[in-house]
Amino acid sequence: MTTNTGTATSGAKQRGGLAAAALAVLATVLPVAATPAQASPAGAPAGPAWCPAVPGHQVDCTTMRRPLVAGEPRLGGIDVSYAVVRHSRPGPALGTVALNPGGPGETLIDRAEQVAGALEGVLDDYDVLLLDPRGTGRSGRLPCGVTEAEYRWAPRAGMREAVAECAEELGPRARGYTSAATADDIDAARERLGAPKLVLYGLSYGTYLMPVYADRHPERVERMVLSGAYPLAFDSLARPGAQQVSLTLRRICERSGACDPQTAVHDLAAVTERLRARPLKVTASVDGERRTVRFTEDKLADLMYEPATRGAGADPGTPALLGELPAALHAFAAGDEAPLAALVRREIEHTGTEDQASFLAVTCNDYARTWDPDASPAERRRQYRAAVAAADPADFGAFSPAGWAAGQTDGGDNCLDWPRRGTARPQPTDLRNVPDVPVLVLSGDLDTNTPEVNSRLSAAQFRRSAFVSVPNAGHVPELESTGCTLEISGHFIRTGEVGDTSCLAQIPPVAVVPVPR
């Protein structure tokens, strides 16, 4: 599940602000060679020039040579880099935390200082491993020639074409970019560090990656924190997200008093119906070029599924996209298109320009689909259309099944033309070697990307899991303003226990633009 998260007072509030900074910008045949890391004084980097500095902490950096595809030396290798932010207190570390911020495709090394700020309490006694997943950042950045803005705002047929072109550009190298490969890279880093076990901390897609690691290396897991989580066997039509959109609108209206909950859901249904009949045309700058985007039902689905609740609650005093939507939807339903068009234009012009190669390769290789990956393209299309036609419209809230499914940048029919040969098989959806360790699953109760239903299913994958719902928080809950979520996760990392969660009651509701009644 995608996440592109691009004033402090003291204590918990300061940690909340630092978390927003960290996570808002917050995954063997060939011989393993490495650039050796060197010891450094606190605050100074060790090793290569790209090694980050973190005030108050020693940072050690290394590049490993890894096989691109295990067992196939003809495909060559890849350099995978990581940084280790060392604990600050004297004596040996109590353990090592391995973090993944999501995507797939998000990086960590160049954000080391922000991450250290968010995990400042944990870093007293724990080292933190920051590995850029293969194909990203300092680990052999993978180009495909399609940016996030180009991909996300293209018509659906154009999105499928971009995926097919990316696969053609990557060729047989595409097989090397999977969650299993990144999980094995993390374990290779663990082994080089001499860490007997890891505390796994995954956010968004990281909650998919870290269970893959746990299944492949169960004896190396101490405990896990999964935030904004979804299970390996998630619904490929994303029905829980469609249902959560209406629930989230109701919740922000009820809690803010700025809008009527039922009216907000009715307005959403009216807007989706109108967009199916007549898409809204929005002219905006995309990658520096003026372009007219057809804002269809599926583009509204994408808006509600991903950016609407990304970081919701980070600044509760100022209406963000989620808090602006009820008024814009109400105006559109009444015939005034301008407010919604303005929100869409702003979103288009603030969409990132990162290459989507790693994101597309991992999701198209790994995620289970409604079609057989070994089927021909024509048969895949038939199977997909049949799955959508068989879906109960009541399961999609205010959206049509086809409109909602086509709104998924990492799902629906986007990977229909991903090649049958030369790419990886989907990741198994069952965990067969789950370690019997404590697992904490955190979920923002406004999150439409990885809604509570999916997070509870994620928790159910593990025998010793605890689930915590974070009120007034979106995707991911660590971004809420008070720092309460970080306190809970930090306590769990250190003790394996959930501890006191009373601070959750202090998280304020998000600000909402008043809607005329």
Protein backbone atom coordinates (compact mmCIF):
# COMPACT_ATOMS: atom_id res chain seq x y z
CA MET A 1 0.00 0.00 0.00
CA THR A 2 1.50 3.21 -1.09
CA THR A 3 2.77 5.92 1.13
CA ASN A 4 4.62 9.00 -0.07
CA THR A 5 4.83 11.02 2.98
CA GLY A 6 7.02 13.87 1.74
CA THR A 7 5.90 23.28 16.17
CA ALA A 8 7.44 21.41 18.47
CA THR A 9 7.12 22.22 22.12
CA SER A 10 8.55 19.55 24.37
CA GLY A 11 8.21 15.91 25.35
CA ALA A 12 5.56 14.01 23.46
CA LYS A 13 4.61 16.97 21.28
CA GLN A 14 8.19 17.40 20.16
CA ARG A 15 8.41 13.74 19.22
CA GLY A 16 5.21 14.09 17.20
CA GLY A 17 6.68 16.95 15.19
CA LEU A 18 9.90 15.06 14.59
CA ALA A 19 7.93 12.02 13.53
CA ALA A 20 6.12 14.08 10.94
CA ALA A 21 9.44 15.27 9.59
CA ALA A 22 10.97 11.81 9.61
CA LEU A 23 8.11 9.87 8.16
CA ALA A 24 6.70 12.59 5.94
CA VAL A 25 9.70 12.38 3.63
CA LEU A 26 8.89 8.82 6.05
CA ALA A 27 12.34 -3.45 2.53
CA THR A 28 23.19 -16.36 -2.31
CA VAL A 29 25.16 -17.42 -4.95
CA LEU A 30 27.39 -14.51 -5.64
CA PRO A 31 30.07 -13.71 -3.08
CA VAL A 32 29.17 -10.87 -0.73
CA ALA A 33 31.65 -8.03 -0.85
CA ALA A 34 31.38 -4.80 1.10
CA THR A 35 32.82 -1.37 1.56
CA PRO A 36 34.08 -1.68 5.15
CA ALA A 37 32.62 0.71 7.67
CA GLN A 38 34.83 2.51 10.16
CA ALA A 39 34.21 3.72 13.66
CA SER A 40 33.36 7.41 13.98
CA PRO A 41 32.80 9.87 16.81
CA ALA A 42 29.21 10.67 17.76
CA GLY A 43 27.59 12.87 15.15
CA ALA A 44 30.16 12.08 12.45
CA PRO A 45 29.56 9.65 9.60
CA ALA A 46 31.80 6.65 8.99
CA GLY A 47 32.52 5.11 5.62
CA PRO A 48 31.48 6.44 2.19
CA ALA A 49 30.79 10.08 1.38
CA TRP A 50 27.03 9.51 1.37
CA CYS A 51 27.02 8.32 4.98
CA PRO A 52 24.72 10.67 6.94
CA ALA A 53 25.60 12.55 10.12
CA VAL A 54 23.28 12.32 13.11
CA PRO A 55 24.10 14.62 16.04
CA GLY A 56 24.80 12.68 19.22
CA HIS A 57 25.15 9.32 17.48
CA GLN A 58 27.82 7.34 15.70
CA VAL A 59 26.70 6.31 12.23
CA ASP A 60 28.32 3.43 10.36
CA CYS A 61 27.66 2.88 6.66
CA THR A 62 28.29 -0.03 4.35
CA THR A 63 27.56 -1.19 0.80
CA MET A 64 27.07 -4.92 0.22
CA ARG A 65 27.27 -6.69 -3.11
CA ARG A 66 24.20 -8.89 -3.40
CA PRO A 67 22.95 -11.25 -6.12
CA LEU A 68 20.25 -9.63 -8.21
CA VAL A 69 18.37 -12.94 -8.38
CA ALA A 70 19.47 -15.72 -6.02
CA GLY A 71 20.69 -18.74 -7.96
CA GLU A 72 21.08 -16.90 -11.26
CA PRO A 73 24.59 -15.38 -11.42
CA ARG A 74 24.15 -14.58 -15.12
CA LEU A 75 21.89 -11.67 -14.08
CA GLY A 76 24.72 -10.14 -12.08
CA GLY A 77 24.56 -8.40 -8.74
CA ILE A 78 23.38 -5.21 -7.09
CA ASP A 79 24.90 -2.90 -4.49
CA VAL A 80 22.70 -2.58 -1.41
CA SER A 81 23.59 0.13 1.08
CA TYR A 82 22.66 0.70 4.69
CA ALA A 83 23.45 2.97 7.61
CA VAL A 84 23.40 2.01 11.28
CA VAL A 85 22.64 4.76 13.78
CA ARG A 86 24.27 3.64 17.01
CA HIS A 87 22.72 3.95 20.46
CA SER A 88 23.86 6.82 22.66
CA ARG A 89 24.20 5.30 26.13
CA PRO A 90 27.40 3.57 27.27
CA GLY A 91 27.59 -0.20 27.00
CA PRO A 92 26.35 -2.64 24.41
CA ALA A 93 23.07 -2.08 22.56
CA LEU A 94 20.01 -3.87 23.89
CA GLY A 95 19.13 -4.78 20.31
CA THR A 96 18.80 -3.57 16.74
CA VAL A 97 15.67 -2.07 15.16
CA ALA A 98 15.24 -2.56 11.40
CA LEU A 99 12.91 0.08 9.94
CA ASN A 100 11.06 0.24 6.62
CA PRO A 101 8.90 3.32 5.91
CA GLY A 102 6.78 1.90 3.10
CA GLY A 103 6.17 2.56 -0.56
CA PRO A 104 7.42 0.23 -1.92
CA GLY A 105 10.25 2.55 -2.83
CA GLU A 106 10.64 4.84 0.18
CA THR A 107 14.21 5.36 1.34
CA LEU A 108 15.82 5.92 4.74
CA ILE A 109 19.54 6.66 4.59
CA ASP A 110 19.22 10.29 3.52
CA ARG A 111 16.58 10.81 6.24
CA ALA A 112 18.66 9.38 9.06
CA GLU A 113 18.65 12.54 11.17
CA GLN A 114 14.86 12.89 11.00
CA VAL A 115 14.34 9.22 11.77
CA ALA A 116 16.67 9.51 14.75
CA GLY A 117 14.59 12.40 16.03
CA ALA A 118 11.41 10.37 15.78
CA LEU A 119 13.02 7.41 17.57
CA GLU A 120 15.08 9.42 20.05
CA GLY A 121 14.00 7.39 23.09
CA VAL A 122 14.59 4.08 21.36
CA LEU A 123 18.07 5.19 20.27
CA ASP A 124 19.17 5.54 23.87
CA ASP A 125 19.67 1.77 24.04
CA TYR A 126 18.98 0.35 20.56
CA ASP A 127 20.86 0.62 17.29
CA VAL A 128 18.68 1.44 14.27
CA LEU A 129 19.31 -0.16 10.87
CA LEU A 130 18.35 2.02 7.89
CA LEU A 131 18.57 0.04 4.65
CA ASP A 132 17.58 1.54 1.31
CA PRO A 133 15.70 -1.29 -0.45
CA ARG A 134 17.29 -2.51 -3.66
CA GLY A 135 16.42 -0.27 -6.58
CA THR A 136 16.00 2.84 -4.40
CA GLY A 137 18.12 5.60 -2.94
CA ARG A 138 21.69 4.47 -2.25
CA SER A 139 20.94 0.90 -3.33
CA GLY A 140 21.17 1.07 -7.12
CA ARG A 141 18.33 3.43 -7.96
CA LEU A 142 16.21 1.77 -10.63
CA PRO A 143 14.97 3.93 -13.53
CA CYS A 144 11.89 3.21 -15.62
CA GLY A 145 11.25 6.63 -17.14
CA VAL A 146 7.82 7.11 -15.55
CA THR A 147 7.37 9.53 -12.66
CA GLU A 148 4.78 9.37 -9.91
CA ALA A 149 2.93 12.36 -11.39
CA GLU A 150 2.89 10.89 -14.88
CA TYR A 151 1.70 7.52 -13.62
CA ARG A 152 -0.88 8.62 -11.11
CA TRP A 153 -2.64 11.23 -13.26
CA ALA A 154 -2.64 9.30 -16.54
CA PRO A 155 -5.92 7.73 -17.70
CA ARG A 156 -6.22 4.14 -16.51
CA ALA A 157 -5.23 2.75 -19.91
CA GLY A 158 -2.15 4.99 -19.79
CA MET A 159 -1.25 3.64 -16.36
CA ARG A 160 -1.36 0.07 -17.68
CA GLU A 161 0.78 1.10 -20.64
CA ALA A 162 3.33 2.70 -18.30
CA VAL A 163 3.56 -0.54 -16.31
CA ALA A 164 4.08 -2.59 -19.48
CA GLU A 165 6.76 -0.17 -20.72
CA CYS A 166 8.49 -0.31 -17.35
CA ALA A 167 8.55 -4.11 -17.48
CA GLU A 168 10.01 -3.99 -20.98
CA GLU A 169 12.68 -1.53 -19.84
CA LEU A 170 13.66 -3.73 -16.88
CA GLY A 171 13.60 -6.99 -18.79
CA PRO A 172 14.77 -10.03 -16.79
CA ARG A 173 16.17 -7.68 -14.11
CA ALA A 174 12.59 -7.18 -12.92
CA ARG A 175 12.78 -10.54 -11.14
CA GLY A 176 15.30 -9.11 -8.71
CA TYR A 177 12.93 -6.59 -7.17
CA THR A 178 10.71 -8.43 -4.71
CA SER A 179 9.87 -8.28 -1.03
CA ALA A 180 11.63 -11.61 -0.50
CA ALA A 181 14.85 -10.27 -2.02
CA THR A 182 14.74 -7.15 0.17
CA ALA A 183 13.99 -9.29 3.23
CA ASP A 184 17.10 -11.36 2.48
CA ASP A 185 19.11 -8.14 2.05
CA ILE A 186 18.01 -7.05 5.51
CA ASP A 187 19.11 -10.38 6.93
CA ALA A 188 22.47 -10.12 5.20
CA ALA A 189 22.91 -6.72 6.86
CA ARG A 190 21.90 -8.23 10.21
CA GLU A 191 24.49 -10.97 9.82
CA ARG A 192 27.22 -8.50 8.95
CA LEU A 193 26.34 -6.45 12.03
CA GLY A 194 26.55 -9.51 14.25
CA ALA A 195 23.04 -8.86 15.58
CA PRO A 196 21.47 -12.14 16.72
CA LYS A 197 17.93 -10.81 16.20
CA LEU A 198 16.08 -7.77 14.91
CA VAL A 199 13.15 -5.74 16.14
CA LEU A 200 11.18 -5.20 12.93
CA TYR A 201 9.37 -1.87 12.48
CA GLY A 202 7.31 -1.55 9.31
CA LEU A 203 5.02 1.24 8.17
CA SER A 204 2.50 0.87 5.33
CA TYR A 205 4.20 -1.42 2.76
CA GLY A 206 6.73 -2.15 5.50
CA THR A 207 3.91 -4.11 7.21
CA TYR A 208 3.92 -6.41 4.17
CA LEU A 209 7.70 -6.62 3.90
CA MET A 210 8.46 -7.31 7.58
CA PRO A 211 6.15 -10.36 7.83
CA VAL A 212 7.86 -11.68 4.70
CA TYR A 213 11.17 -11.28 6.53
CA ALA A 214 9.72 -12.98 9.63
CA ASP A 215 8.47 -15.90 7.54
CA ARG A 216 11.84 -16.35 5.83
CA HIS A 217 14.01 -15.77 8.91
CA PRO A 218 11.78 -16.57 11.92
CA GLU A 219 14.66 -17.32 14.27
CA ARG A 220 16.03 -13.78 13.73
CA VAL A 221 12.98 -11.85 14.95
CA GLU A 222 12.77 -10.43 18.47
CA ARG A 223 9.46 -8.58 18.09
CA MET A 224 7.55 -6.54 15.51
CA VAL A 225 5.75 -3.20 15.23
CA LEU A 226 3.46 -2.89 12.19
CA SER A 227 1.83 0.50 11.60
CA GLY A 228 -0.76 1.21 8.93
CA ALA A 229 -0.89 -2.52 8.32
CA TYR A 230 -2.44 -4.90 5.85
CA PRO A 231 -2.19 -8.71 5.57
CA LEU A 232 -0.33 -10.61 2.89
CA ALA A 233 -3.67 -12.05 1.74
CA PHE A 234 -5.31 -8.64 1.30
CA ASP A 235 -8.37 -8.08 -0.89
CA SER A 236 -7.06 -7.28 -4.38
CA LEU A 237 -10.14 -5.12 -5.06
CA ALA A 238 -9.52 -3.13 -1.85
CA ARG A 239 -13.12 -3.30 -0.65
CA PRO A 240 -12.25 -2.42 2.99
CA GLY A 241 -10.79 0.89 1.82
CA ALA A 242 -13.95 1.78 -0.11
CA GLN A 243 -16.05 1.14 2.99
CA GLN A 244 -13.63 3.09 5.19
CA VAL A 245 -13.98 6.24 3.06
CA SER A 246 -17.59 6.72 4.14
CA LEU A 247 -16.75 5.83 7.75
CA THR A 248 -13.91 8.35 7.80
CA LEU A 249 -16.14 11.13 6.45
CA ARG A 250 -18.71 10.34 9.14
CA ARG A 251 -16.07 10.38 11.86
CA ILE A 252 -14.51 13.72 10.97
CA CYS A 253 -17.94 15.34 10.69
CA GLU A 254 -19.14 13.92 14.01
CA ARG A 255 -15.96 14.85 15.87
CA SER A 256 -15.53 18.33 14.43
CA GLY A 257 -19.19 19.35 14.31
CA ALA A 258 -18.36 21.14 11.05
CA CYS A 259 -20.52 18.98 8.79
CA ASP A 260 -23.39 16.54 8.89
CA PRO A 261 -22.13 12.93 8.69
CA GLN A 262 -24.98 11.59 6.58
CA THR A 263 -24.88 14.56 4.21
CA ALA A 264 -21.15 14.09 3.66
CA VAL A 265 -21.64 10.46 2.61
CA HIS A 266 -24.63 11.40 0.44
CA ASP A 267 -22.55 14.11 -1.25
CA LEU A 268 -19.75 11.63 -1.94
CA ALA A 269 -22.21 9.25 -3.64
CA ALA A 270 -23.64 12.11 -5.70
CA VAL A 271 -20.17 13.20 -6.83
CA THR A 272 -19.09 9.68 -7.86
CA GLU A 273 -22.30 9.33 -9.90
CA ARG A 274 -21.74 12.66 -11.65
CA LEU A 275 -18.09 11.88 -12.41
CA ARG A 276 -19.08 8.58 -13.99
CA ALA A 277 -21.37 10.47 -16.34
CA ARG A 278 -19.22 13.56 -16.92
CA PRO A 279 -15.61 13.73 -15.69
CA LEU A 280 -14.27 17.00 -14.34
CA LYS A 281 -11.50 18.55 -16.45
CA VAL A 282 -8.69 20.15 -14.44
CA THR A 283 -5.79 22.01 -16.00
CA ALA A 284 -2.61 21.90 -13.95
CA SER A 285 1.15 21.63 -14.21
CA VAL A 286 2.33 18.01 -14.38
CA ASP A 287 6.10 17.56 -14.34
CA GLY A 288 6.46 21.17 -15.41
CA GLU A 289 4.04 20.96 -18.33
CA ARG A 290 0.52 22.37 -18.48
CA ARG A 291 -1.85 19.49 -18.92
CA THR A 292 -5.57 18.85 -18.70
CA VAL A 293 -6.41 15.90 -16.45
CA ARG A 294 -9.73 14.11 -16.68
CA PHE A 295 -10.81 13.72 -13.06
CA THR A 296 -12.97 10.60 -13.24
CA GLU A 297 -14.56 8.39 -10.59
CA ASP A 298 -11.40 6.33 -10.35
CA LYS A 299 -9.27 9.45 -9.81
CA LEU A 300 -11.59 10.47 -6.96
CA ALA A 301 -11.21 6.94 -5.59
CA ASP A 302 -7.43 7.36 -5.68
CA LEU A 303 -7.70 10.77 -3.99
CA MET A 304 -9.78 9.30 -1.16
CA TYR A 305 -7.73 6.09 -0.92
CA GLU A 306 -4.23 7.54 -0.69
CA PRO A 307 -3.59 11.29 -0.22
CA ALA A 308 -6.78 12.19 1.66
CA THR A 309 -5.72 10.52 4.91
CA ARG A 310 -1.95 10.51 4.45
CA GLY A 311 -0.60 12.20 7.55
CA ALA A 312 -4.09 13.17 8.75
CA GLY A 313 -3.78 14.52 12.27
CA ALA A 314 -0.22 15.83 11.87
CA ASP A 315 -1.47 19.43 12.16
CA PRO A 316 -4.95 19.19 13.68
CA GLY A 317 -5.40 22.96 13.87
CA THR A 318 -5.30 23.48 10.10
CA PRO A 319 -7.65 21.81 7.61
CA ALA A 320 -5.65 19.55 5.31
CA LEU A 321 -7.00 17.70 2.27
CA LEU A 322 -9.22 15.39 4.35
CA GLY A 323 -10.72 18.32 6.25
CA GLU A 324 -11.36 20.26 3.04
CA LEU A 325 -13.14 17.45 1.20
CA PRO A 326 -16.62 17.56 2.83
CA ALA A 327 -17.13 21.20 1.80
CA ALA A 328 -15.74 20.61 -1.70
CA LEU A 329 -17.90 17.52 -2.22
CA HIS A 330 -20.97 19.38 -0.94
CA ALA A 331 -20.37 22.25 -3.34
CA PHE A 332 -19.84 19.89 -6.29
CA ALA A 333 -23.03 18.00 -5.48
CA ALA A 334 -24.85 21.35 -5.53
CA GLY A 335 -23.40 22.27 -8.93
CA ASP A 336 -20.31 24.30 -7.97
CA GLU A 337 -17.24 22.51 -9.36
CA ALA A 338 -14.66 25.15 -8.40
CA PRO A 339 -13.74 24.05 -4.83
CA LEU A 340 -13.15 20.41 -5.81
CA ALA A 341 -11.27 21.46 -8.95
CA ALA A 342 -8.99 23.66 -6.82
CA LEU A 343 -8.21 20.77 -4.44
CA VAL A 344 -7.50 18.44 -7.35
CA ARG A 345 -5.26 21.01 -9.06
CA ARG A 346 -3.25 21.49 -5.89
CA GLU A 347 -2.88 17.75 -5.46
CA ILE A 348 -1.76 17.30 -9.07
CA GLU A 349 0.84 20.04 -8.78
CA HIS A 350 2.23 18.65 -5.52
CA THR A 351 2.53 15.05 -6.71
CA GLY A 352 6.12 13.81 -6.63
CA THR A 353 8.40 13.22 -9.58
CA GLU A 354 10.19 10.10 -8.29
CA ASP A 355 10.65 7.30 -10.79
CA GLN A 356 8.12 4.54 -10.13
CA ALA A 357 10.28 1.59 -11.23
CA SER A 358 10.82 0.06 -7.80
CA PHE A 359 7.20 0.61 -6.78
CA LEU A 360 5.84 -1.00 -9.94
CA ALA A 361 8.31 -3.89 -9.96
CA VAL A 362 7.65 -4.91 -6.36
CA THR A 363 3.86 -4.56 -6.47
CA CYS A 364 3.48 -6.24 -9.86
CA ASN A 365 5.85 -9.06 -8.90
CA ASP A 366 4.50 -9.68 -5.40
CA TYR A 367 0.86 -8.78 -4.94
CA ALA A 368 -1.85 -11.37 -5.52
CA ARG A 369 -4.33 -10.47 -8.25
CA THR A 370 -7.80 -11.41 -9.44
CA TRP A 371 -6.26 -13.19 -12.44
CA ASP A 372 -3.86 -16.02 -13.03
CA PRO A 373 -0.36 -14.55 -13.67
CA ASP A 374 0.36 -17.46 -16.02
CA ALA A 375 -2.66 -16.65 -18.21
CA SER A 376 -2.44 -14.81 -21.51
CA PRO A 377 -3.15 -11.05 -21.51
CA ALA A 378 -6.58 -11.64 -23.07
CA GLU A 379 -7.47 -14.28 -20.50
CA ARG A 380 -6.22 -12.06 -17.67
CA ARG A 381 -8.58 -9.31 -18.84
CA ARG A 382 -11.47 -11.72 -18.98
CA GLN A 383 -10.74 -12.96 -15.45
CA TYR A 384 -10.41 -9.41 -14.12
CA ARG A 385 -13.68 -8.26 -15.71
CA ALA A 386 -15.42 -11.33 -14.32
CA ALA A 387 -14.11 -10.63 -10.80
CA VAL A 388 -15.32 -7.03 -10.90
CA ALA A 389 -18.69 -8.03 -12.37
CA ALA A 390 -19.17 -10.64 -9.64
CA ALA A 391 -18.40 -8.17 -6.84
CA ASP A 392 -21.31 -6.95 -4.72
CA PRO A 393 -21.71 -3.19 -5.28
CA ALA A 394 -22.77 -2.83 -1.65
CA ASP A 395 -19.19 -3.67 -0.63
CA PHE A 396 -17.79 -0.54 -2.30
CA GLY A 397 -19.54 2.18 -0.35
CA ALA A 398 -20.24 5.24 -2.49
CA PHE A 399 -18.19 3.94 -5.43
CA SER A 400 -18.90 1.50 -8.22
CA PRO A 401 -16.78 -1.68 -8.13
CA ALA A 402 -15.09 -0.79 -11.43
CA GLY A 403 -14.44 2.82 -10.42
CA TRP A 404 -12.98 1.95 -7.04
CA ALA A 405 -10.80 -0.89 -8.36
CA ALA A 406 -9.42 1.36 -11.11
CA GLY A 407 -8.45 3.93 -8.47
CA GLN A 408 -5.73 1.71 -7.01
CA THR A 409 -2.24 2.68 -8.16
CA ASP A 410 -0.93 -0.64 -6.83
CA GLY A 411 -3.94 -2.82 -7.57
CA GLY A 412 -6.99 -3.31 -9.73
CA ASP A 413 -5.92 -3.94 -13.31
CA ASN A 414 -2.67 -1.93 -13.32
CA CYS A 415 -0.42 -5.00 -13.72
CA LEU A 416 -2.48 -6.81 -16.36
CA ASP A 417 0.35 -6.53 -18.87
CA TRP A 418 3.18 -7.43 -16.49
CA PRO A 419 5.04 -10.20 -18.35
CA ARG A 420 4.46 -13.86 -17.62
CA ARG A 421 8.12 -14.70 -18.22
CA GLY A 422 11.17 -12.99 -16.86
CA THR A 423 9.41 -11.69 -13.75
CA ALA A 424 8.83 -13.08 -10.28
CA ARG A 425 5.86 -15.12 -9.12
CA PRO A 426 3.45 -13.49 -6.64
CA GLN A 427 4.49 -13.62 -3.00
CA PRO A 428 2.75 -16.48 -1.11
CA THR A 429 -0.13 -15.09 0.93
CA ASP A 430 0.17 -17.51 3.82
CA LEU A 431 2.76 -17.24 6.58
CA ARG A 432 4.07 -20.74 7.26
CA ASN A 433 6.95 -20.02 9.62
CA VAL A 434 5.59 -17.25 11.80
CA PRO A 435 7.78 -16.74 14.88
CA ASP A 436 6.09 -16.83 18.27
CA VAL A 437 7.06 -13.27 19.21
CA PRO A 438 5.17 -10.18 20.43
CA VAL A 439 3.65 -8.11 17.61
CA LEU A 440 2.09 -4.65 17.94
CA VAL A 441 -0.25 -3.46 15.17
CA LEU A 442 -1.13 0.24 15.08
CA SER A 443 -3.96 1.67 12.99
CA GLY A 444 -5.25 5.21 12.51
CA ASP A 445 -9.03 5.15 12.71
CA LEU A 446 -9.30 7.61 9.78
CA ASP A 447 -6.95 5.62 7.50
CA THR A 448 -8.55 4.75 4.15
CA ASN A 449 -5.36 3.29 2.63
CA THR A 450 -4.79 0.57 5.22
CA PRO A 451 -8.09 0.71 7.14
CA GLU A 452 -8.68 -0.86 10.53
CA VAL A 453 -10.29 -3.93 8.94
CA ASN A 454 -7.04 -4.71 7.15
CA SER A 455 -4.91 -3.89 10.19
CA ARG A 456 -6.92 -6.32 12.31
CA LEU A 457 -6.41 -8.99 9.65
CA SER A 458 -2.71 -8.22 9.78
CA ALA A 459 -2.71 -8.72 13.55
CA ALA A 460 -4.56 -12.03 13.12
CA GLN A 461 -1.57 -13.42 11.20
CA PHE A 462 0.36 -13.67 14.47
CA ARG A 463 -0.24 -15.66 17.64
CA ARG A 464 0.90 -12.99 20.09
CA SER A 465 -0.39 -9.77 18.56
CA ALA A 466 -1.84 -6.66 20.16
CA PHE A 467 -3.97 -4.19 18.22
CA VAL A 468 -4.16 -0.47 19.02
CA SER A 469 -6.56 1.86 17.24
CA VAL A 470 -5.31 5.45 17.17
CA PRO A 471 -8.16 7.98 17.06
CA ASN A 472 -8.06 11.01 14.75
CA ALA A 473 -5.06 9.65 12.87
CA GLY A 474 -4.71 8.66 9.24
CA HIS A 475 -1.99 6.90 7.31
CA VAL A 476 0.30 6.37 9.26
CA PRO A 477 -0.62 7.02 12.94
CA GLU A 478 2.94 7.96 13.97
CA LEU A 479 2.26 11.27 12.23
CA GLU A 480 -0.41 12.35 14.73
CA SER A 481 0.53 15.54 16.54
CA THR A 482 0.90 14.55 20.18
CA GLY A 483 3.61 11.88 19.97
CA CYS A 484 1.39 9.39 21.80
CA THR A 485 1.72 6.75 19.08
CA LEU A 486 5.50 7.00 19.14
CA GLU A 487 5.49 6.64 22.92
CA ILE A 488 3.42 3.44 22.61
CA SER A 489 5.60 1.95 19.87
CA GLY A 490 8.81 2.95 21.68
CA HIS A 491 7.64 1.29 24.90
CA PHE A 492 6.76 -1.86 22.95
CA ILE A 493 10.16 -1.96 21.26
CA ARG A 494 11.89 -1.81 24.64
CA THR A 495 9.62 -4.15 26.60
CA GLY A 496 7.45 -6.22 24.26
CA GLU A 497 4.39 -4.87 26.12
CA VAL A 498 1.81 -2.33 24.96
CA GLY A 499 1.89 -0.40 28.22
CA ASP A 500 -0.20 2.68 29.03
CA THR A 501 -2.33 3.92 26.13
CA SER A 502 -4.28 6.59 28.00
CA CYS A 503 -2.58 9.32 25.97
CA LEU A 504 -4.68 8.27 22.96
CA ALA A 505 -7.62 10.15 24.48
CA GLN A 506 -5.65 13.40 24.13
CA ILE A 507 -5.27 13.23 20.34
CA PRO A 508 -7.41 16.09 18.97
CA PRO A 509 -9.83 15.74 16.05
CA VAL A 510 -8.73 16.96 12.64
CA ALA A 511 -9.85 20.41 11.54
CA VAL A 512 -12.69 20.45 9.00
CA VAL A 513 -13.86 23.33 6.81
CA PRO A 514 -17.46 24.13 7.88
CA VAL A 515 -20.16 22.97 5.47
CA PRO A 516 -23.35 25.07 5.19
CA ARG A 517 -26.40 23.28 6.55
